[in-house]
Amino acid sequence: MTRLLNEEQVRSLISVSEINEVVDKTFEGFGLGEIVNPTKVTLDLGETGNWPQNEGFMNAMPAYVDWLKVGGQKWVGGFAGKRKEMNLPYITALITLIDPELGTFTSVMEGSYISNMRTGSQAAVALKYLGKKDSITVGMFGAGLQARTATICIADLFDIERLVVWNHRRSTAEQFKADMEPFVKGEIIIADPDHPEEATDNEALFTFTPAQEPFITKEMVKPGTIVFPMGSFEEVSEDVILSADKIIVDHVDQALHRGVLKPLTKAGKVTEDDIYCTLGELAANKVTLEDYSNERIICIPIGTGALDVAVAEVVRRRAVERNIGTEFDFI
């Protein structure tokens, strides 16, 4: 029997703290070599302007997570166009889980909540590996859903002493401030839309925008700063990457061919040899970071299916315990 779970049920079965714990454990699994995680495969449905011009894409993200003895896949994408006209969320996702010995499907569940939360969680957990203790100051570029989930997950692990949010539309930043104030211990400051540099004087900088042109330059990034280019867009200038003292990623092959490193890899300016370490290696204590208070660090957690599959399996097990969801026989 396959357990079917909708978004409301998924939300009710796991907390932010638990998601952070699962992400932490799964990164450790990467470091120990106990995760199978191919690079994601993209189905372009017109996001790049090409045929079939549906202004969308889907990513297939399979993985096996040994610490939970589960296999699965997230099937996730983003659609503008007609979906936006119908006032539906940009992200759409489904997660399927299998018994890795039998290949039977154990669960099918709505995936966008887990996808959004684990994206925020991977940033928060990475900060812990990078030696941040108790409190932190944050520069947040973008004020949409992913910026919110990152803030919520960071606030679960750290006291946010100051958060400066920049967004090209000030009204969106103002709403972000109002919504995030219950989670942020310190002050939330809104940067001038014409001056993104106002948000860069912080310990960690996160980019969650659809920018097609870089707006964060080397001069804006002070020593001791960690920059997280979280998306697949061009928010960070080339010189920020090339001048970094350390580049840390979640998945080497994937990071080199997606997001901010893709054009540099293609041009031969960045190779695998330029990657200092992975988050998994830090989680498993295979690599340690010395004092980097005078260094600029680039951390690129593009996102892996293993995190989604792991969180989804914890949700499934809890659903079975509490008899939540619908059992369906596909055979």
C-alpha atoms as a PDB file:
ATOM      1  CA  MET A   1       0.000   0.000   0.000  1.00  0.00           C
ATOM      2  CA  THR A   2       1.172   3.513  -0.847  1.00  0.00           C
ATOM      3  CA  ARG A   3       0.454   6.330   1.598  1.00  0.00           C
ATOM      4  CA  LEU A   4      -0.801   9.540  -0.014  1.00  0.00           C
ATOM      5  CA  LEU A   5      -0.226  12.828   1.841  1.00  0.00           C
ATOM      6  CA  ASN A   6      -1.323  16.344   0.957  1.00  0.00           C
ATOM      7  CA  GLU A   7       0.408  19.598   1.929  1.00  0.00           C
ATOM      8  CA  GLU A   8      -1.622  20.218   5.069  1.00  0.00           C
ATOM      9  CA  GLN A   9      -0.829  16.732   6.338  1.00  0.00           C
ATOM     10  CA  VAL A  10       2.872  17.065   5.541  1.00  0.00           C
ATOM     11  CA  ARG A  11       3.062  20.399   7.399  1.00  0.00           C
ATOM     12  CA  SER A  12       1.397  18.872  10.468  1.00  0.00           C
ATOM     13  CA  LEU A  13       3.878  16.011  10.729  1.00  0.00           C
ATOM     14  CA  ILE A  14       7.250  17.768  11.044  1.00  0.00           C
ATOM     15  CA  SER A  15       8.599  20.910  12.706  1.00  0.00           C
ATOM     16  CA  VAL A  16      11.301  23.350  11.598  1.00  0.00           C
ATOM     17  CA  SER A  17      13.670  22.045  14.266  1.00  0.00           C
ATOM     18  CA  GLU A  18      13.133  18.484  13.064  1.00  0.00           C
ATOM     19  CA  ILE A  19      13.779  19.481   9.464  1.00  0.00           C
ATOM     20  CA  ASN A  20      17.068  21.075  10.542  1.00  0.00           C
ATOM     21  CA  GLU A  21      17.990  17.864  12.362  1.00  0.00           C
ATOM     22  CA  VAL A  22      17.203  15.669   9.345  1.00  0.00           C
ATOM     23  CA  VAL A  23      19.166  17.939   6.998  1.00  0.00           C
ATOM     24  CA  ASP A  24      22.116  17.877   9.406  1.00  0.00           C
ATOM     25  CA  LYS A  25      22.080  14.064   9.596  1.00  0.00           C
ATOM     26  CA  THR A  26      21.792  13.754   5.824  1.00  0.00           C
ATOM     27  CA  PHE A  27      24.742  16.067   5.183  1.00  0.00           C
ATOM     28  CA  GLU A  28      26.715  13.820   7.523  1.00  0.00           C
ATOM     29  CA  GLY A  29      25.612  10.875   5.372  1.00  0.00           C
ATOM     30  CA  PHE A  30      27.053  12.617   2.321  1.00  0.00           C
ATOM     31  CA  GLY A  31      30.371  13.023   4.120  1.00  0.00           C
ATOM     32  CA  LEU A  32      30.426   9.370   5.167  1.00  0.00           C
ATOM     33  CA  GLY A  33      29.687   8.185   1.622  1.00  0.00           C
ATOM     34  CA  GLU A  34      26.306   6.773   2.617  1.00  0.00           C
ATOM     35  CA  ILE A  35      24.187   8.739   0.137  1.00  0.00           C
ATOM     36  CA  VAL A  36      23.565   8.036  -3.542  1.00  0.00           C
ATOM     37  CA  ASN A  37      22.632  11.319  -5.220  1.00  0.00           C
ATOM     38  CA  PRO A  38      22.929  11.791  -8.996  1.00  0.00           C
ATOM     39  CA  THR A  39      22.903  15.338 -10.291  1.00  0.00           C
ATOM     40  CA  LYS A  40      19.464  16.734 -10.979  1.00  0.00           C
ATOM     41  CA  VAL A  41      18.028  16.480 -14.489  1.00  0.00           C
ATOM     42  CA  THR A  42      16.077  19.422 -15.896  1.00  0.00           C
ATOM     43  CA  LEU A  43      13.110  19.258 -18.253  1.00  0.00           C
ATOM     44  CA  ASP A  44      12.931  22.687 -19.883  1.00  0.00           C
ATOM     45  CA  LEU A  45       9.316  23.489 -20.702  1.00  0.00           C
ATOM     46  CA  GLY A  46      10.007  26.997 -21.895  1.00  0.00           C
ATOM     47  CA  GLU A  47      11.743  28.637 -18.926  1.00  0.00           C
ATOM     48  CA  THR A  48      14.615  29.667 -21.200  1.00  0.00           C
ATOM     49  CA  GLY A  49      12.263  31.031 -23.833  1.00  0.00           C
ATOM     50  CA  ASN A  50      12.501  27.983 -26.056  1.00  0.00           C
ATOM     51  CA  TRP A  51       9.786  25.623 -27.309  1.00  0.00           C
ATOM     52  CA  PRO A  52       7.309  24.580 -25.929  1.00  0.00           C
ATOM     53  CA  GLN A  53       7.208  28.076 -24.381  1.00  0.00           C
ATOM     54  CA  ASN A  54       5.252  27.227 -21.257  1.00  0.00           C
ATOM     55  CA  GLU A  55       7.484  29.427 -19.087  1.00  0.00           C
ATOM     56  CA  GLY A  56       8.400  26.568 -16.808  1.00  0.00           C
ATOM     57  CA  PHE A  57      10.743  23.730 -15.947  1.00  0.00           C
ATOM     58  CA  MET A  58      10.806  20.519 -13.924  1.00  0.00           C
ATOM     59  CA  ASN A  59      13.760  18.946 -12.119  1.00  0.00           C
ATOM     60  CA  ALA A  60      14.053  15.226 -11.392  1.00  0.00           C
ATOM     61  CA  MET A  61      16.063  14.693  -8.192  1.00  0.00           C
ATOM     62  CA  PRO A  62      16.508  11.028  -7.160  1.00  0.00           C
ATOM     63  CA  ALA A  63      18.465   9.800  -4.138  1.00  0.00           C
ATOM     64  CA  TYR A  64      19.098   6.946  -1.731  1.00  0.00           C
ATOM     65  CA  VAL A  65      19.583   7.798   1.956  1.00  0.00           C
ATOM     66  CA  ASP A  66      21.182   4.985   3.913  1.00  0.00           C
ATOM     67  CA  TRP A  67      20.581   6.255   7.445  1.00  0.00           C
ATOM     68  CA  LEU A  68      16.852   5.975   6.764  1.00  0.00           C
ATOM     69  CA  LYS A  69      17.118   3.031   4.331  1.00  0.00           C
ATOM     70  CA  VAL A  70      14.937   4.814   1.775  1.00  0.00           C
ATOM     71  CA  GLY A  71      15.043   5.683  -1.887  1.00  0.00           C
ATOM     72  CA  GLY A  72      12.991   8.315  -3.615  1.00  0.00           C
ATOM     73  CA  GLN A  73      12.730  11.273  -5.902  1.00  0.00           C
ATOM     74  CA  LYS A  74      11.546  14.844  -5.838  1.00  0.00           C
ATOM     75  CA  TRP A  75       9.896  16.012  -9.047  1.00  0.00           C
ATOM     76  CA  VAL A  76       9.884  19.789  -8.722  1.00  0.00           C
ATOM     77  CA  GLY A  77       9.586  22.795 -10.960  1.00  0.00           C
ATOM     78  CA  GLY A  78       8.571  26.386 -11.353  1.00  0.00           C
ATOM     79  CA  PHE A  79       6.000  27.820 -13.737  1.00  0.00           C
ATOM     80  CA  ALA A  80       5.070  31.392 -14.559  1.00  0.00           C
ATOM     81  CA  GLY A  81       2.749  32.113 -17.474  1.00  0.00           C
ATOM     82  CA  LYS A  82      -0.645  30.472 -17.182  1.00  0.00           C
ATOM     83  CA  ARG A  83       0.058  29.187 -13.666  1.00  0.00           C
ATOM     84  CA  LYS A  84       0.748  32.734 -12.504  1.00  0.00           C
ATOM     85  CA  GLU A  85      -2.445  33.950 -14.208  1.00  0.00           C
ATOM     86  CA  MET A  86      -4.385  31.379 -12.171  1.00  0.00           C
ATOM     87  CA  ASN A  87      -2.767  32.725  -8.969  1.00  0.00           C
ATOM     88  CA  LEU A  88      -1.070  29.400  -8.218  1.00  0.00           C
ATOM     89  CA  PRO A  89       2.283  29.226  -6.391  1.00  0.00           C
ATOM     90  CA  TYR A  90       5.333  29.373  -8.655  1.00  0.00           C
ATOM     91  CA  ILE A  91       6.758  26.111  -7.277  1.00  0.00           C
ATOM     92  CA  THR A  92       5.048  22.755  -7.834  1.00  0.00           C
ATOM     93  CA  ALA A  93       6.454  19.516  -6.456  1.00  0.00           C
ATOM     94  CA  LEU A  94       5.759  15.874  -5.712  1.00  0.00           C
ATOM     95  CA  ILE A  95       7.923  13.435  -3.721  1.00  0.00           C
ATOM     96  CA  THR A  96       7.772   9.675  -4.232  1.00  0.00           C
ATOM     97  CA  LEU A  97       9.414   7.180  -1.853  1.00  0.00           C
ATOM     98  CA  ILE A  98      10.313   3.543  -2.402  1.00  0.00           C
ATOM     99  CA  ASP A  99      11.395   0.546  -0.380  1.00  0.00           C
ATOM    100  CA  PRO A 100      14.980   0.229  -1.707  1.00  0.00           C
ATOM    101  CA  GLU A 101      14.932  -3.566  -1.467  1.00  0.00           C
ATOM    102  CA  LEU A 102      11.583  -4.225  -3.106  1.00  0.00           C
ATOM    103  CA  GLY A 103      11.137  -1.141  -5.269  1.00  0.00           C
ATOM    104  CA  THR A 104       7.566  -0.770  -4.052  1.00  0.00           C
ATOM    105  CA  PHE A 105       6.253   2.771  -3.655  1.00  0.00           C
ATOM    106  CA  THR A 106       5.723   3.499   0.021  1.00  0.00           C
ATOM    107  CA  SER A 107       4.487   7.066  -0.294  1.00  0.00           C
ATOM    108  CA  VAL A 108       3.495   9.834  -2.669  1.00  0.00           C
ATOM    109  CA  MET A 109       3.254  13.278  -1.105  1.00  0.00           C
ATOM    110  CA  GLU A 110       2.997  16.958  -1.926  1.00  0.00           C
ATOM    111  CA  GLY A 111       6.580  18.182  -2.175  1.00  0.00           C
ATOM    112  CA  SER A 112       6.681  21.973  -2.299  1.00  0.00           C
ATOM    113  CA  TYR A 113       6.536  22.502   1.478  1.00  0.00           C
ATOM    114  CA  ILE A 114       9.422  20.112   2.104  1.00  0.00           C
ATOM    115  CA  SER A 115      11.336  21.562  -0.844  1.00  0.00           C
ATOM    116  CA  ASN A 116      10.986  25.124   0.377  1.00  0.00           C
ATOM    117  CA  MET A 117      11.803  24.307   3.988  1.00  0.00           C
ATOM    118  CA  ARG A 118      14.833  22.151   3.297  1.00  0.00           C
ATOM    119  CA  THR A 119      16.221  24.915   1.052  1.00  0.00           C
ATOM    120  CA  GLY A 120      16.102  27.238   4.025  1.00  0.00           C
ATOM    121  CA  SER A 121      17.411  24.531   6.315  1.00  0.00           C
ATOM    122  CA  GLN A 122      20.455  23.705   4.206  1.00  0.00           C
ATOM    123  CA  ALA A 123      21.561  27.335   4.526  1.00  0.00           C
ATOM    124  CA  ALA A 124      20.992  27.345   8.281  1.00  0.00           C
ATOM    125  CA  VAL A 125      22.793  24.049   8.874  1.00  0.00           C
ATOM    126  CA  ALA A 126      25.686  25.156   6.658  1.00  0.00           C
ATOM    127  CA  LEU A 127      26.198  28.169   8.942  1.00  0.00           C
ATOM    128  CA  LYS A 128      26.639  25.797  11.845  1.00  0.00           C
ATOM    129  CA  TYR A 129      29.325  23.849   9.975  1.00  0.00           C
ATOM    130  CA  LEU A 130      31.056  27.097   9.105  1.00  0.00           C
ATOM    131  CA  GLY A 131      31.711  27.775  12.771  1.00  0.00           C
ATOM    132  CA  LYS A 132      29.023  30.320  13.548  1.00  0.00           C
ATOM    133  CA  LYS A 133      28.030  30.254  17.214  1.00  0.00           C
ATOM    134  CA  ASP A 134      24.774  31.283  18.868  1.00  0.00           C
ATOM    135  CA  SER A 135      24.189  34.560  17.015  1.00  0.00           C
ATOM    136  CA  ILE A 136      24.642  36.006  13.549  1.00  0.00           C
ATOM    137  CA  THR A 137      23.977  39.045  11.370  1.00  0.00           C
ATOM    138  CA  VAL A 138      22.353  38.447   7.991  1.00  0.00           C
ATOM    139  CA  GLY A 139      22.053  40.265   4.678  1.00  0.00           C
ATOM    140  CA  MET A 140      19.068  38.893   2.755  1.00  0.00           C
ATOM    141  CA  PHE A 141      18.744  39.668  -0.957  1.00  0.00           C
ATOM    142  CA  GLY A 142      15.212  38.909  -2.025  1.00  0.00           C
ATOM    143  CA  ALA A 143      12.108  38.870   0.146  1.00  0.00           C
ATOM    144  CA  GLY A 144      10.093  36.021  -1.301  1.00  0.00           C
ATOM    145  CA  LEU A 145       9.206  32.568  -0.020  1.00  0.00           C
ATOM    146  CA  GLN A 146      12.728  31.134  -0.059  1.00  0.00           C
ATOM    147  CA  ALA A 147      14.104  34.134   1.820  1.00  0.00           C
ATOM    148  CA  ARG A 148      11.426  33.548   4.443  1.00  0.00           C
ATOM    149  CA  THR A 149      12.101  29.836   4.879  1.00  0.00           C
ATOM    150  CA  ALA A 150      15.835  30.551   5.198  1.00  0.00           C
ATOM    151  CA  THR A 151      15.148  33.169   7.865  1.00  0.00           C
ATOM    152  CA  ILE A 152      12.854  30.824   9.803  1.00  0.00           C
ATOM    153  CA  CYS A 153      15.364  27.953   9.682  1.00  0.00           C
ATOM    154  CA  ILE A 154      18.324  30.165  10.622  1.00  0.00           C
ATOM    155  CA  ALA A 155      16.328  31.588  13.526  1.00  0.00           C
ATOM    156  CA  ASP A 156      15.783  28.038  14.798  1.00  0.00           C
ATOM    157  CA  LEU A 157      19.560  27.550  15.157  1.00  0.00           C
ATOM    158  CA  PHE A 158      20.815  31.099  15.834  1.00  0.00           C
ATOM    159  CA  ASP A 159      19.814  34.375  17.383  1.00  0.00           C
ATOM    160  CA  ILE A 160      19.637  36.746  14.423  1.00  0.00           C
ATOM    161  CA  GLU A 161      21.074  39.962  15.874  1.00  0.00           C
ATOM    162  CA  ARG A 162      20.400  41.981  12.734  1.00  0.00           C
ATOM    163  CA  LEU A 163      18.814  41.213   9.385  1.00  0.00           C
ATOM    164  CA  VAL A 164      19.080  43.689   6.521  1.00  0.00           C
ATOM    165  CA  VAL A 165      16.743  42.809   3.667  1.00  0.00           C
ATOM    166  CA  TRP A 166      17.114  44.145   0.127  1.00  0.00           C
ATOM    167  CA  ASN A 167      14.481  43.755  -2.543  1.00  0.00           C
ATOM    168  CA  HIS A 168      13.927  45.619  -5.794  1.00  0.00           C
ATOM    169  CA  ARG A 169      10.338  46.299  -4.682  1.00  0.00           C
ATOM    170  CA  ARG A 170      10.260  48.002  -1.286  1.00  0.00           C
ATOM    171  CA  SER A 171       6.684  46.995  -0.508  1.00  0.00           C
ATOM    172  CA  THR A 172       7.680  43.321  -0.674  1.00  0.00           C
ATOM    173  CA  ALA A 173      10.560  43.980   1.735  1.00  0.00           C
ATOM    174  CA  GLU A 174       8.182  45.738   4.113  1.00  0.00           C
ATOM    175  CA  GLN A 175       5.839  42.742   4.121  1.00  0.00           C
ATOM    176  CA  PHE A 176       8.835  40.450   4.678  1.00  0.00           C
ATOM    177  CA  LYS A 177       9.815  42.523   7.707  1.00  0.00           C
ATOM    178  CA  ALA A 178       6.335  42.325   9.193  1.00  0.00           C
ATOM    179  CA  ASP A 179       6.109  38.572   8.652  1.00  0.00           C
ATOM    180  CA  MET A 180       9.613  37.766   9.922  1.00  0.00           C
ATOM    181  CA  GLU A 181       9.684  39.950  13.044  1.00  0.00           C
ATOM    182  CA  PRO A 182       8.350  37.100  15.257  1.00  0.00           C
ATOM    183  CA  PHE A 183      11.372  34.979  14.259  1.00  0.00           C
ATOM    184  CA  VAL A 184      14.172  37.549  14.340  1.00  0.00           C
ATOM    185  CA  LYS A 185      15.518  38.484  17.759  1.00  0.00           C
ATOM    186  CA  GLY A 186      17.213  41.677  16.595  1.00  0.00           C
ATOM    187  CA  GLU A 187      16.238  44.473  14.242  1.00  0.00           C
ATOM    188  CA  ILE A 188      15.095  43.974  10.649  1.00  0.00           C
ATOM    189  CA  ILE A 189      16.285  46.813   8.444  1.00  0.00           C
ATOM    190  CA  ILE A 190      15.051  47.478   4.908  1.00  0.00           C
ATOM    191  CA  ALA A 191      17.783  48.488   2.480  1.00  0.00           C
ATOM    192  CA  ASP A 192      17.198  51.091  -0.225  1.00  0.00           C
ATOM    193  CA  PRO A 193      16.155  49.289  -3.453  1.00  0.00           C
ATOM    194  CA  ASP A 194      18.755  51.386  -5.308  1.00  0.00           C
ATOM    195  CA  HIS A 195      21.551  50.487  -2.886  1.00  0.00           C
ATOM    196  CA  PRO A 196      22.021  46.731  -2.374  1.00  0.00           C
ATOM    197  CA  GLU A 197      25.374  47.457  -0.731  1.00  0.00           C
ATOM    198  CA  GLU A 198      23.432  48.551   2.371  1.00  0.00           C
ATOM    199  CA  ALA A 199      22.786  44.866   3.114  1.00  0.00           C
ATOM    200  CA  THR A 200      26.347  43.596   2.669  1.00  0.00           C
ATOM    201  CA  ASP A 201      27.873  44.627   6.011  1.00  0.00           C
ATOM    202  CA  ASN A 202      26.838  41.356   7.668  1.00  0.00           C
ATOM    203  CA  GLU A 203      28.413  38.017   8.509  1.00  0.00           C
ATOM    204  CA  ALA A 204      26.333  36.000   6.036  1.00  0.00           C
ATOM    205  CA  LEU A 205      24.770  37.127   2.756  1.00  0.00           C
ATOM    206  CA  PHE A 206      22.017  35.126   1.051  1.00  0.00           C
ATOM    207  CA  THR A 207      20.727  35.669  -2.473  1.00  0.00           C
ATOM    208  CA  PHE A 208      17.198  34.600  -3.397  1.00  0.00           C
ATOM    209  CA  THR A 209      16.351  36.740  -6.423  1.00  0.00           C
ATOM    210  CA  PRO A 210      15.669  36.113 -10.130  1.00  0.00           C
ATOM    211  CA  ALA A 211      18.279  38.708 -11.151  1.00  0.00           C
ATOM    212  CA  GLN A 212      19.795  38.282 -14.603  1.00  0.00           C
ATOM    213  CA  GLU A 213      22.604  40.763 -13.939  1.00  0.00           C
ATOM    214  CA  PRO A 214      25.064  40.670 -10.999  1.00  0.00           C
ATOM    215  CA  PHE A 215      24.487  43.282  -8.309  1.00  0.00           C
ATOM    216  CA  ILE A 216      26.877  42.057  -5.590  1.00  0.00           C
ATOM    217  CA  THR A 217      30.505  42.883  -6.407  1.00  0.00           C
ATOM    218  CA  LYS A 218      33.842  42.092  -4.781  1.00  0.00           C
ATOM    219  CA  GLU A 219      34.058  45.572  -3.233  1.00  0.00           C
ATOM    220  CA  MET A 220      30.817  44.932  -1.308  1.00  0.00           C
ATOM    221  CA  VAL A 221      32.027  41.717   0.323  1.00  0.00           C
ATOM    222  CA  LYS A 222      34.238  42.317   3.345  1.00  0.00           C
ATOM    223  CA  PRO A 223      36.711  39.764   4.766  1.00  0.00           C
ATOM    224  CA  GLY A 224      35.008  37.462   7.235  1.00  0.00           C
ATOM    225  CA  THR A 225      31.829  37.328   5.150  1.00  0.00           C
ATOM    226  CA  ILE A 226      30.154  34.136   3.926  1.00  0.00           C
ATOM    227  CA  VAL A 227      28.243  34.570   0.661  1.00  0.00           C
ATOM    228  CA  PHE A 228      25.487  32.070  -0.166  1.00  0.00           C
ATOM    229  CA  PRO A 229      24.439  32.317  -3.848  1.00  0.00           C
ATOM    230  CA  MET A 230      21.394  30.100  -3.316  1.00  0.00           C
ATOM    231  CA  GLY A 231      19.705  30.218  -6.689  1.00  0.00           C
ATOM    232  CA  SER A 232      20.489  29.583 -10.322  1.00  0.00           C
ATOM    233  CA  PHE A 233      20.647  33.240 -11.264  1.00  0.00           C
ATOM    234  CA  GLU A 234      23.374  35.847 -11.799  1.00  0.00           C
ATOM    235  CA  GLU A 235      23.241  37.844  -8.571  1.00  0.00           C
ATOM    236  CA  VAL A 236      26.934  37.624  -7.699  1.00  0.00           C
ATOM    237  CA  SER A 237      29.624  39.040  -9.964  1.00  0.00           C
ATOM    238  CA  GLU A 238      32.420  36.865 -11.318  1.00  0.00           C
ATOM    239  CA  ASP A 239      35.074  38.626  -9.263  1.00  0.00           C
ATOM    240  CA  VAL A 240      33.295  37.697  -6.018  1.00  0.00           C
ATOM    241  CA  ILE A 241      33.717  34.023  -6.883  1.00  0.00           C
ATOM    242  CA  LEU A 242      37.218  34.230  -8.320  1.00  0.00           C
ATOM    243  CA  SER A 243      38.545  36.255  -5.384  1.00  0.00           C
ATOM    244  CA  ALA A 244      37.043  33.985  -2.736  1.00  0.00           C
ATOM    245  CA  ASP A 245      39.477  32.382  -0.321  1.00  0.00           C
ATOM    246  CA  LYS A 246      37.380  29.228  -0.115  1.00  0.00           C
ATOM    247  CA  ILE A 247      34.541  27.765  -2.192  1.00  0.00           C
ATOM    248  CA  ILE A 248      32.369  25.233  -0.360  1.00  0.00           C
ATOM    249  CA  VAL A 249      29.547  23.301  -2.043  1.00  0.00           C
ATOM    250  CA  ASP A 250      27.009  20.603  -1.217  1.00  0.00           C
ATOM    251  CA  HIS A 251      27.528  18.494  -4.376  1.00  0.00           C
ATOM    252  CA  VAL A 252      30.646  19.066  -6.468  1.00  0.00           C
ATOM    253  CA  ASP A 253      29.467  17.862  -9.895  1.00  0.00           C
ATOM    254  CA  GLN A 254      26.144  19.619  -9.584  1.00  0.00           C
ATOM    255  CA  ALA A 255      27.552  22.896  -8.279  1.00  0.00           C
ATOM    256  CA  LEU A 256      30.073  23.140 -11.110  1.00  0.00           C
ATOM    257  CA  HIS A 257      27.380  22.881 -13.756  1.00  0.00           C
ATOM    258  CA  ARG A 258      24.500  24.863 -12.250  1.00  0.00           C
ATOM    259  CA  GLY A 259      24.065  28.264 -10.655  1.00  0.00           C
ATOM    260  CA  VAL A 260      26.874  30.786 -10.265  1.00  0.00           C
ATOM    261  CA  LEU A 261      29.712  28.374 -11.045  1.00  0.00           C
ATOM    262  CA  LYS A 262      28.272  27.159 -14.348  1.00  0.00           C
ATOM    263  CA  PRO A 263      29.607  29.969 -16.607  1.00  0.00           C
ATOM    264  CA  LEU A 264      32.970  29.950 -14.804  1.00  0.00           C
ATOM    265  CA  THR A 265      33.263  26.176 -15.230  1.00  0.00           C
ATOM    266  CA  LYS A 266      32.363  26.458 -18.889  1.00  0.00           C
ATOM    267  CA  ALA A 267      35.032  29.138 -19.372  1.00  0.00           C
ATOM    268  CA  GLY A 268      37.640  27.020 -17.593  1.00  0.00           C
ATOM    269  CA  LYS A 269      38.034  29.559 -14.778  1.00  0.00           C
ATOM    270  CA  VAL A 270      36.808  27.211 -12.045  1.00  0.00           C
ATOM    271  CA  THR A 271      37.434  23.465 -11.777  1.00  0.00           C
ATOM    272  CA  GLU A 272      36.921  20.780  -9.161  1.00  0.00           C
ATOM    273  CA  ASP A 273      40.381  21.641  -7.831  1.00  0.00           C
ATOM    274  CA  ASP A 274      39.059  25.052  -6.798  1.00  0.00           C
ATOM    275  CA  ILE A 275      36.479  23.523  -4.447  1.00  0.00           C
ATOM    276  CA  TYR A 276      37.834  23.639  -0.901  1.00  0.00           C
ATOM    277  CA  CYS A 277      35.435  21.033   0.491  1.00  0.00           C
ATOM    278  CA  THR A 278      31.808  19.929   0.664  1.00  0.00           C
ATOM    279  CA  LEU A 279      29.298  20.522   3.418  1.00  0.00           C
ATOM    280  CA  GLY A 280      29.193  16.754   3.891  1.00  0.00           C
ATOM    281  CA  GLU A 281      32.911  16.655   4.623  1.00  0.00           C
ATOM    282  CA  LEU A 282      32.447  19.372   7.229  1.00  0.00           C
ATOM    283  CA  ALA A 283      29.446  17.571   8.752  1.00  0.00           C
ATOM    284  CA  ALA A 284      31.395  14.304   9.024  1.00  0.00           C
ATOM    285  CA  ASN A 285      34.436  16.121  10.471  1.00  0.00           C
ATOM    286  CA  LYS A 286      36.592  15.011   7.557  1.00  0.00           C
ATOM    287  CA  VAL A 287      37.574  18.635   6.956  1.00  0.00           C
ATOM    288  CA  THR A 288      37.859  21.418   9.502  1.00  0.00           C
ATOM    289  CA  LEU A 289      37.935  25.151   8.958  1.00  0.00           C
ATOM    290  CA  GLU A 290      40.627  27.207  10.607  1.00  0.00           C
ATOM    291  CA  ASP A 291      39.999  30.828  11.549  1.00  0.00           C
ATOM    292  CA  TYR A 292      38.681  32.537   8.433  1.00  0.00           C
ATOM    293  CA  SER A 293      37.800  35.883   9.989  1.00  0.00           C
ATOM    294  CA  ASN A 294      39.934  37.602   7.349  1.00  0.00           C
ATOM    295  CA  GLU A 295      38.723  35.488   4.444  1.00  0.00           C
ATOM    296  CA  ARG A 296      35.821  35.640   2.024  1.00  0.00           C
ATOM    297  CA  ILE A 297      33.917  32.358   1.839  1.00  0.00           C
ATOM    298  CA  ILE A 298      31.536  31.308  -0.931  1.00  0.00           C
ATOM    299  CA  CYS A 299      29.114  28.560   0.102  1.00  0.00           C
ATOM    300  CA  ILE A 300      26.918  27.099  -2.637  1.00  0.00           C
ATOM    301  CA  PRO A 301      24.247  24.615  -1.524  1.00  0.00           C
ATOM    302  CA  ILE A 302      22.481  24.176  -4.872  1.00  0.00           C
ATOM    303  CA  GLY A 303      20.177  21.573  -3.323  1.00  0.00           C
ATOM    304  CA  THR A 304      20.083  17.776  -3.427  1.00  0.00           C
ATOM    305  CA  GLY A 305      17.278  15.267  -3.685  1.00  0.00           C
ATOM    306  CA  ALA A 306      18.663  13.396  -0.683  1.00  0.00           C
ATOM    307  CA  LEU A 307      17.531  16.171   1.659  1.00  0.00           C
ATOM    308  CA  ASP A 308      13.983  16.043   0.296  1.00  0.00           C
ATOM    309  CA  VAL A 309      13.850  12.253   0.395  1.00  0.00           C
ATOM    310  CA  ALA A 310      15.150  12.153   3.977  1.00  0.00           C
ATOM    311  CA  VAL A 311      12.653  14.715   5.278  1.00  0.00           C
ATOM    312  CA  ALA A 312       9.852  12.993   3.367  1.00  0.00           C
ATOM    313  CA  GLU A 313      10.699   9.604   4.895  1.00  0.00           C
ATOM    314  CA  VAL A 314      10.542  11.027   8.415  1.00  0.00           C
ATOM    315  CA  VAL A 315       7.159  12.517   7.508  1.00  0.00           C
ATOM    316  CA  ARG A 316       5.961   9.168   6.084  1.00  0.00           C
ATOM    317  CA  ARG A 317       6.980   7.212   9.167  1.00  0.00           C
ATOM    318  CA  ARG A 318       5.172   9.655  11.423  1.00  0.00           C
ATOM    319  CA  ALA A 319       2.091   9.487   9.188  1.00  0.00           C
ATOM    320  CA  VAL A 320       2.043   5.700   9.583  1.00  0.00           C
ATOM    321  CA  GLU A 321       2.398   5.983  13.372  1.00  0.00           C
ATOM    322  CA  ARG A 322      -0.478   8.468  13.585  1.00  0.00           C
ATOM    323  CA  ASN A 323      -2.553   6.911  10.809  1.00  0.00           C
ATOM    324  CA  ILE A 324      -2.610  10.143   8.807  1.00  0.00           C
ATOM    325  CA  GLY A 325      -3.090  10.163   5.047  1.00  0.00           C
ATOM    326  CA  THR A 326      -4.757   7.784   2.635  1.00  0.00           C
ATOM    327  CA  GLU A 327      -3.560   4.300   1.743  1.00  0.00           C
ATOM    328  CA  PHE A 328      -3.858   3.462  -1.933  1.00  0.00           C
ATOM    329  CA  ASP A 329      -3.197   0.213  -3.759  1.00  0.00           C
ATOM    330  CA  PHE A 330      -1.669   0.911  -7.181  1.00  0.00           C
ATOM    331  CA  ILE A 331      -1.495  -2.783  -8.027  1.00  0.00           C
END
